[in-house]
Amino acid sequence: MTNEEIISKINGFLTEEFEVDESIISPDATLKETLELDSLDYVDLVVIIEGNFGIKVKQEDFTGIRTFQNLYDYVISKLAQKA
């Protein structure tokens, strides 16, 4: 899976799960404000990432993820480690 395919997949499930228009998702936008996340939404997000990509997300890793680009980079990095 290419980086572009990974990013597209992430954007796809974010727009579906959090009911936002994909046009508001940009690499520099913050996850919390753009998706209007609360603490339970973060748990949902972790579960969705783990389910879609078959990777284990550690809480301490996820605390540094602020922007969509951070999220993309994290998932791409975890998938590369898994390969």
N, C-alpha and C. Protein backbone atom coordinates (compact mmCIF):
# COMPACT_ATOMS: atom_id res chain seq x y z
N MET A 1 0.85 -1.17 0.00
CA MET A 1 0.00 0.00 0.00
C MET A 1 0.90 1.24 0.00
N THR A 2 0.63 2.16 -0.89
CA THR A 2 1.44 3.37 -0.98
C THR A 2 1.02 4.36 0.10
N ASN A 3 1.87 5.35 0.34
CA ASN A 3 1.53 6.39 1.32
C ASN A 3 0.24 7.10 0.94
N GLU A 4 0.06 7.36 -0.35
CA GLU A 4 -1.16 8.03 -0.80
C GLU A 4 -2.40 7.19 -0.52
N GLU A 5 -2.28 5.88 -0.72
CA GLU A 5 -3.41 4.98 -0.44
C GLU A 5 -3.72 4.94 1.06
N ILE A 6 -2.68 4.95 1.88
CA ILE A 6 -2.86 4.96 3.33
C ILE A 6 -3.58 6.23 3.76
N ILE A 7 -3.12 7.38 3.25
CA ILE A 7 -3.73 8.66 3.59
C ILE A 7 -5.18 8.70 3.13
N SER A 8 -5.45 8.20 1.94
CA SER A 8 -6.81 8.17 1.42
C SER A 8 -7.71 7.30 2.29
N LYS A 9 -7.19 6.16 2.72
CA LYS A 9 -7.96 5.26 3.58
C LYS A 9 -8.26 5.93 4.93
N ILE A 10 -7.25 6.58 5.50
CA ILE A 10 -7.45 7.28 6.77
C ILE A 10 -8.52 8.36 6.62
N ASN A 11 -8.38 9.19 5.59
CA ASN A 11 -9.37 10.26 5.37
C ASN A 11 -10.76 9.69 5.17
N GLY A 12 -10.84 8.57 4.48
CA GLY A 12 -12.13 7.94 4.23
C GLY A 12 -12.83 7.51 5.50
N PHE A 13 -12.11 6.83 6.38
CA PHE A 13 -12.80 6.39 7.60
C PHE A 13 -13.01 7.54 8.58
N LEU A 14 -12.16 8.57 8.54
CA LEU A 14 -12.40 9.73 9.41
C LEU A 14 -13.66 10.47 9.00
N THR A 15 -13.84 10.66 7.70
CA THR A 15 -15.03 11.39 7.24
C THR A 15 -16.30 10.60 7.53
N GLU A 16 -16.21 9.29 7.41
CA GLU A 16 -17.38 8.45 7.68
C GLU A 16 -17.69 8.38 9.18
N GLU A 17 -16.68 8.08 9.97
CA GLU A 17 -16.88 7.89 11.41
C GLU A 17 -17.26 9.19 12.13
N PHE A 18 -16.61 10.29 11.76
CA PHE A 18 -16.83 11.54 12.48
C PHE A 18 -17.72 12.51 11.71
N GLU A 19 -18.27 12.04 10.59
CA GLU A 19 -19.26 12.78 9.81
C GLU A 19 -18.81 14.21 9.49
N VAL A 20 -17.62 14.30 8.87
CA VAL A 20 -17.11 15.59 8.41
C VAL A 20 -16.85 15.51 6.91
N ASP A 21 -16.83 16.65 6.28
CA ASP A 21 -16.54 16.73 4.86
C ASP A 21 -15.03 16.59 4.66
N GLU A 22 -14.64 15.74 3.72
CA GLU A 22 -13.22 15.49 3.50
C GLU A 22 -12.46 16.76 3.12
N SER A 23 -13.16 17.75 2.59
CA SER A 23 -12.50 18.98 2.17
C SER A 23 -11.91 19.76 3.34
N ILE A 24 -12.40 19.54 4.57
CA ILE A 24 -11.84 20.26 5.71
C ILE A 24 -10.62 19.56 6.30
N ILE A 25 -10.31 18.37 5.81
CA ILE A 25 -9.15 17.63 6.30
C ILE A 25 -7.93 18.05 5.48
N SER A 26 -6.93 18.59 6.18
CA SER A 26 -5.68 18.94 5.53
C SER A 26 -4.54 18.51 6.45
N PRO A 27 -3.37 18.26 5.90
CA PRO A 27 -2.26 17.76 6.73
C PRO A 27 -1.94 18.62 7.95
N ASP A 28 -2.06 19.93 7.83
CA ASP A 28 -1.70 20.82 8.94
C ASP A 28 -2.83 21.08 9.92
N ALA A 29 -4.04 20.64 9.59
CA ALA A 29 -5.18 20.87 10.48
C ALA A 29 -5.06 19.99 11.72
N THR A 30 -5.57 20.47 12.84
CA THR A 30 -5.52 19.69 14.07
C THR A 30 -6.68 18.70 14.12
N LEU A 31 -6.39 17.51 14.60
CA LEU A 31 -7.42 16.47 14.70
C LEU A 31 -8.55 16.91 15.63
N LYS A 32 -8.18 17.36 16.81
CA LYS A 32 -9.17 17.67 17.84
C LYS A 32 -10.18 18.72 17.37
N GLU A 33 -9.70 19.82 16.83
CA GLU A 33 -10.60 20.89 16.42
C GLU A 33 -11.37 20.53 15.14
N THR A 34 -10.68 19.95 14.17
CA THR A 34 -11.32 19.64 12.90
C THR A 34 -12.42 18.60 13.05
N LEU A 35 -12.13 17.56 13.83
CA LEU A 35 -13.11 16.48 14.01
C LEU A 35 -13.97 16.66 15.25
N GLU A 36 -13.70 17.72 16.02
CA GLU A 36 -14.42 18.00 17.26
C GLU A 36 -14.38 16.79 18.19
N LEU A 37 -13.17 16.33 18.47
CA LEU A 37 -12.98 15.12 19.27
C LEU A 37 -13.03 15.40 20.76
N ASP A 38 -13.66 14.47 21.50
CA ASP A 38 -13.54 14.45 22.94
C ASP A 38 -12.74 13.20 23.31
N SER A 39 -12.56 12.95 24.58
CA SER A 39 -11.69 11.84 24.99
C SER A 39 -12.22 10.48 24.50
N LEU A 40 -13.52 10.30 24.49
CA LEU A 40 -14.08 9.03 23.99
C LEU A 40 -13.87 8.87 22.49
N ASP A 41 -13.92 9.99 21.77
CA ASP A 41 -13.67 9.94 20.32
C ASP A 41 -12.24 9.49 20.03
N TYR A 42 -11.30 9.89 20.88
CA TYR A 42 -9.91 9.45 20.69
C TYR A 42 -9.81 7.93 20.83
N VAL A 43 -10.55 7.38 21.77
CA VAL A 43 -10.56 5.92 21.94
C VAL A 43 -11.12 5.27 20.67
N ASP A 44 -12.22 5.82 20.17
CA ASP A 44 -12.81 5.31 18.93
C ASP A 44 -11.81 5.38 17.78
N LEU A 45 -11.09 6.49 17.70
CA LEU A 45 -10.11 6.68 16.64
C LEU A 45 -9.02 5.62 16.70
N VAL A 46 -8.53 5.34 17.89
CA VAL A 46 -7.50 4.31 18.06
C VAL A 46 -8.03 2.95 17.62
N VAL A 47 -9.23 2.61 18.03
CA VAL A 47 -9.84 1.33 17.67
C VAL A 47 -10.00 1.23 16.15
N ILE A 48 -10.42 2.31 15.52
CA ILE A 48 -10.60 2.32 14.06
C ILE A 48 -9.26 2.13 13.35
N ILE A 49 -8.23 2.81 13.82
CA ILE A 49 -6.90 2.67 13.20
C ILE A 49 -6.41 1.24 13.35
N GLU A 50 -6.53 0.70 14.55
CA GLU A 50 -6.07 -0.67 14.78
C GLU A 50 -6.84 -1.65 13.90
N GLY A 51 -8.14 -1.47 13.78
CA GLY A 51 -8.96 -2.37 12.99
C GLY A 51 -8.70 -2.27 11.50
N ASN A 52 -8.47 -1.07 11.00
CA ASN A 52 -8.26 -0.87 9.57
C ASN A 52 -6.88 -1.25 9.10
N PHE A 53 -5.89 -1.13 9.99
CA PHE A 53 -4.52 -1.36 9.55
C PHE A 53 -3.83 -2.53 10.25
N GLY A 54 -4.49 -3.13 11.23
CA GLY A 54 -3.90 -4.28 11.91
C GLY A 54 -2.64 -3.94 12.69
N ILE A 55 -2.60 -2.73 13.24
CA ILE A 55 -1.45 -2.32 14.04
C ILE A 55 -1.92 -2.03 15.46
N LYS A 56 -1.00 -2.10 16.40
CA LYS A 56 -1.31 -1.80 17.80
C LYS A 56 -0.86 -0.38 18.09
N VAL A 57 -1.79 0.44 18.56
CA VAL A 57 -1.49 1.83 18.88
C VAL A 57 -1.32 1.95 20.39
N LYS A 58 -0.14 2.42 20.80
CA LYS A 58 0.12 2.63 22.22
C LYS A 58 -0.33 4.03 22.61
N GLN A 59 -0.90 4.14 23.79
CA GLN A 59 -1.40 5.43 24.25
C GLN A 59 -0.30 6.48 24.26
N GLU A 60 0.89 6.09 24.73
CA GLU A 60 1.97 7.08 24.81
C GLU A 60 2.41 7.55 23.43
N ASP A 61 2.28 6.70 22.41
CA ASP A 61 2.59 7.12 21.04
C ASP A 61 1.56 8.12 20.53
N PHE A 62 0.32 7.88 20.89
CA PHE A 62 -0.78 8.66 20.33
C PHE A 62 -0.87 10.05 20.94
N THR A 63 -0.29 10.26 22.12
CA THR A 63 -0.40 11.56 22.76
C THR A 63 0.31 12.66 21.97
N GLY A 64 1.29 12.31 21.15
CA GLY A 64 2.00 13.31 20.35
C GLY A 64 1.34 13.62 19.02
N ILE A 65 0.26 12.95 18.72
CA ILE A 65 -0.40 13.14 17.44
C ILE A 65 -1.40 14.30 17.56
N ARG A 66 -1.07 15.39 16.92
CA ARG A 66 -1.92 16.59 16.98
C ARG A 66 -2.58 16.90 15.64
N THR A 67 -1.84 16.73 14.55
CA THR A 67 -2.35 17.09 13.23
C THR A 67 -2.62 15.83 12.41
N PHE A 68 -3.30 16.03 11.30
CA PHE A 68 -3.54 14.91 10.40
C PHE A 68 -2.22 14.37 9.86
N GLN A 69 -1.26 15.26 9.59
CA GLN A 69 0.05 14.79 9.11
C GLN A 69 0.72 13.91 10.15
N ASN A 70 0.62 14.28 11.43
CA ASN A 70 1.17 13.43 12.50
C ASN A 70 0.54 12.05 12.46
N LEU A 71 -0.76 12.01 12.26
CA LEU A 71 -1.48 10.74 12.19
C LEU A 71 -1.03 9.93 10.99
N TYR A 72 -0.95 10.57 9.82
CA TYR A 72 -0.49 9.87 8.62
C TYR A 72 0.90 9.29 8.83
N ASP A 73 1.81 10.12 9.34
CA ASP A 73 3.19 9.69 9.55
C ASP A 73 3.26 8.52 10.53
N TYR A 74 2.45 8.59 11.58
CA TYR A 74 2.44 7.52 12.58
C TYR A 74 2.00 6.19 11.97
N VAL A 75 0.89 6.22 11.25
CA VAL A 75 0.37 4.98 10.66
C VAL A 75 1.34 4.44 9.62
N ILE A 76 1.88 5.31 8.77
CA ILE A 76 2.85 4.88 7.75
C ILE A 76 4.07 4.25 8.41
N SER A 77 4.55 4.87 9.49
CA SER A 77 5.71 4.35 10.21
C SER A 77 5.41 2.97 10.83
N LYS A 78 4.25 2.84 11.46
CA LYS A 78 3.87 1.56 12.10
C LYS A 78 3.72 0.45 11.04
N LEU A 79 3.16 0.80 9.90
CA LEU A 79 3.00 -0.20 8.84
C LEU A 79 4.35 -0.61 8.27
N ALA A 80 5.28 0.34 8.19
CA ALA A 80 6.63 0.01 7.69
C ALA A 80 7.34 -0.91 8.68
N GLN A 81 7.16 -0.70 9.97
CA GLN A 81 7.76 -1.57 10.99
C GLN A 81 7.17 -2.97 10.93
N LYS A 82 5.89 -3.02 10.61
CA LYS A 82 5.18 -4.31 10.55
C LYS A 82 5.59 -5.14 9.35
N ALA A 83 5.96 -4.46 8.26
CA ALA A 83 6.27 -5.15 6.99
C ALA A 83 7.54 -5.96 7.05
